[in-house]
Amino acid sequence: MEYLQKESRSQLTLYTTCLDDMIAADNTVRAIDTFVDSLDLEHLGFASLASQGRPPYDPADLLKLFIYGYMNRMRSSRRLELECNRNI
């Protein structure tokens, strides 16, 4: 399944430093990233959807966002959207 491609964290775009350098080494998002990347999502039931229209987001990225929101007591999708716009 073709998912929307994410930007590389090491690529310089708008900022003078890359996104990976802006996040502290002991930040919890690094632990979430490592944990979700170690999972076999297809084995856990994250099946590919039929492709119609715009490609879907990668289930791993959505799971990372959900875990981040759960750890920071943000349950609603609107709060998560605001946090994504406010925070890196």
Protein backbone atom coordinates (compact mmCIF):
# COMPACT_ATOMS: atom_id res chain seq x y z
CA MET A 1 0.00 0.00 0.00
CA GLU A 2 1.28 3.41 -0.87
CA TYR A 3 1.12 5.84 2.06
CA LEU A 4 1.76 9.55 2.22
CA GLN A 5 5.51 10.00 2.44
CA LYS A 6 6.85 11.80 5.48
CA GLU A 7 9.67 14.32 5.42
CA SER A 8 13.12 13.15 6.43
CA ARG A 9 14.10 14.44 9.87
CA SER A 10 17.67 15.04 8.73
CA GLN A 11 16.69 17.22 5.76
CA LEU A 12 17.16 20.96 6.04
CA THR A 13 14.03 22.78 4.90
CA LEU A 14 12.69 25.87 6.66
CA TYR A 15 15.00 25.93 9.67
CA THR A 16 18.77 26.33 9.84
CA THR A 17 19.03 23.03 11.70
CA CYS A 18 17.36 19.76 10.89
CA LEU A 19 14.29 18.58 12.80
CA ASP A 20 16.19 15.71 14.39
CA ASP A 21 18.62 18.16 16.02
CA MET A 22 15.77 20.22 17.50
CA ILE A 23 14.49 17.32 19.61
CA ALA A 24 16.42 16.50 22.77
CA ALA A 25 18.08 13.10 23.00
CA ASP A 26 16.12 12.21 26.17
CA ASN A 27 12.71 13.29 24.86
CA THR A 28 9.92 10.71 25.12
CA VAL A 29 9.06 11.04 21.42
CA ARG A 30 12.31 9.23 20.62
CA ALA A 31 11.20 6.29 22.79
CA ILE A 32 7.79 6.26 21.09
CA ASP A 33 9.44 6.35 17.67
CA THR A 34 11.77 3.45 18.49
CA PHE A 35 8.97 1.40 20.07
CA VAL A 36 6.51 1.76 17.18
CA ASP A 37 9.22 1.14 14.58
CA SER A 38 10.07 -2.14 16.32
CA LEU A 39 6.49 -3.43 16.01
CA ASP A 40 5.22 -5.61 13.18
CA LEU A 41 2.04 -3.67 12.49
CA GLU A 42 0.68 -6.04 9.84
CA HIS A 43 0.92 -8.91 12.32
CA LEU A 44 -0.98 -6.79 14.87
CA GLY A 45 -3.90 -6.26 12.48
CA PHE A 46 -3.06 -2.96 10.77
CA ALA A 47 -4.21 -4.01 7.31
CA SER A 48 -3.79 -2.03 4.11
CA LEU A 49 -6.85 -0.21 2.85
CA ALA A 50 -8.07 -0.17 -0.72
CA SER A 51 -6.60 2.77 -2.55
CA GLN A 52 -9.23 5.32 -3.47
CA GLY A 53 -8.53 9.01 -3.75
CA ARG A 54 -5.81 10.48 -1.58
CA PRO A 55 -3.35 7.96 -0.11
CA PRO A 56 -3.79 7.31 3.62
CA TYR A 57 -1.33 8.24 6.33
CA ASP A 58 1.11 5.58 7.44
CA PRO A 59 -0.44 3.61 10.34
CA ALA A 60 2.90 3.77 12.20
CA ASP A 61 2.80 7.58 12.13
CA LEU A 62 -0.79 7.65 13.38
CA LEU A 63 0.04 5.19 16.16
CA LYS A 64 2.98 7.36 17.23
CA LEU A 65 0.68 10.39 17.35
CA PHE A 66 -1.96 8.48 19.34
CA ILE A 67 0.59 7.25 21.91
CA TYR A 68 2.03 10.77 22.25
CA GLY A 69 -1.46 12.17 22.82
CA TYR A 70 -2.31 9.46 25.34
CA MET A 71 0.89 10.14 27.31
CA ASN A 72 0.12 13.88 27.37
CA ARG A 73 -3.60 13.50 28.20
CA MET A 74 -4.85 14.62 24.80
CA ARG A 75 -7.65 12.30 23.76
CA SER A 76 -9.49 14.33 21.12
CA SER A 77 -8.37 14.61 17.53
CA ARG A 78 -8.81 18.38 17.67
CA ARG A 79 -6.41 18.69 20.61
CA LEU A 80 -3.91 16.48 18.76
CA GLU A 81 -4.22 18.67 15.68
CA LEU A 82 -3.58 21.80 17.72
CA GLU A 83 -0.59 20.16 19.38
CA CYS A 84 0.85 19.15 16.00
CA ASN A 85 0.57 22.73 14.77
CA ARG A 86 1.96 24.22 18.00
CA ASN A 87 4.72 21.74 18.75
CA ILE A 88 7.33 20.21 16.45
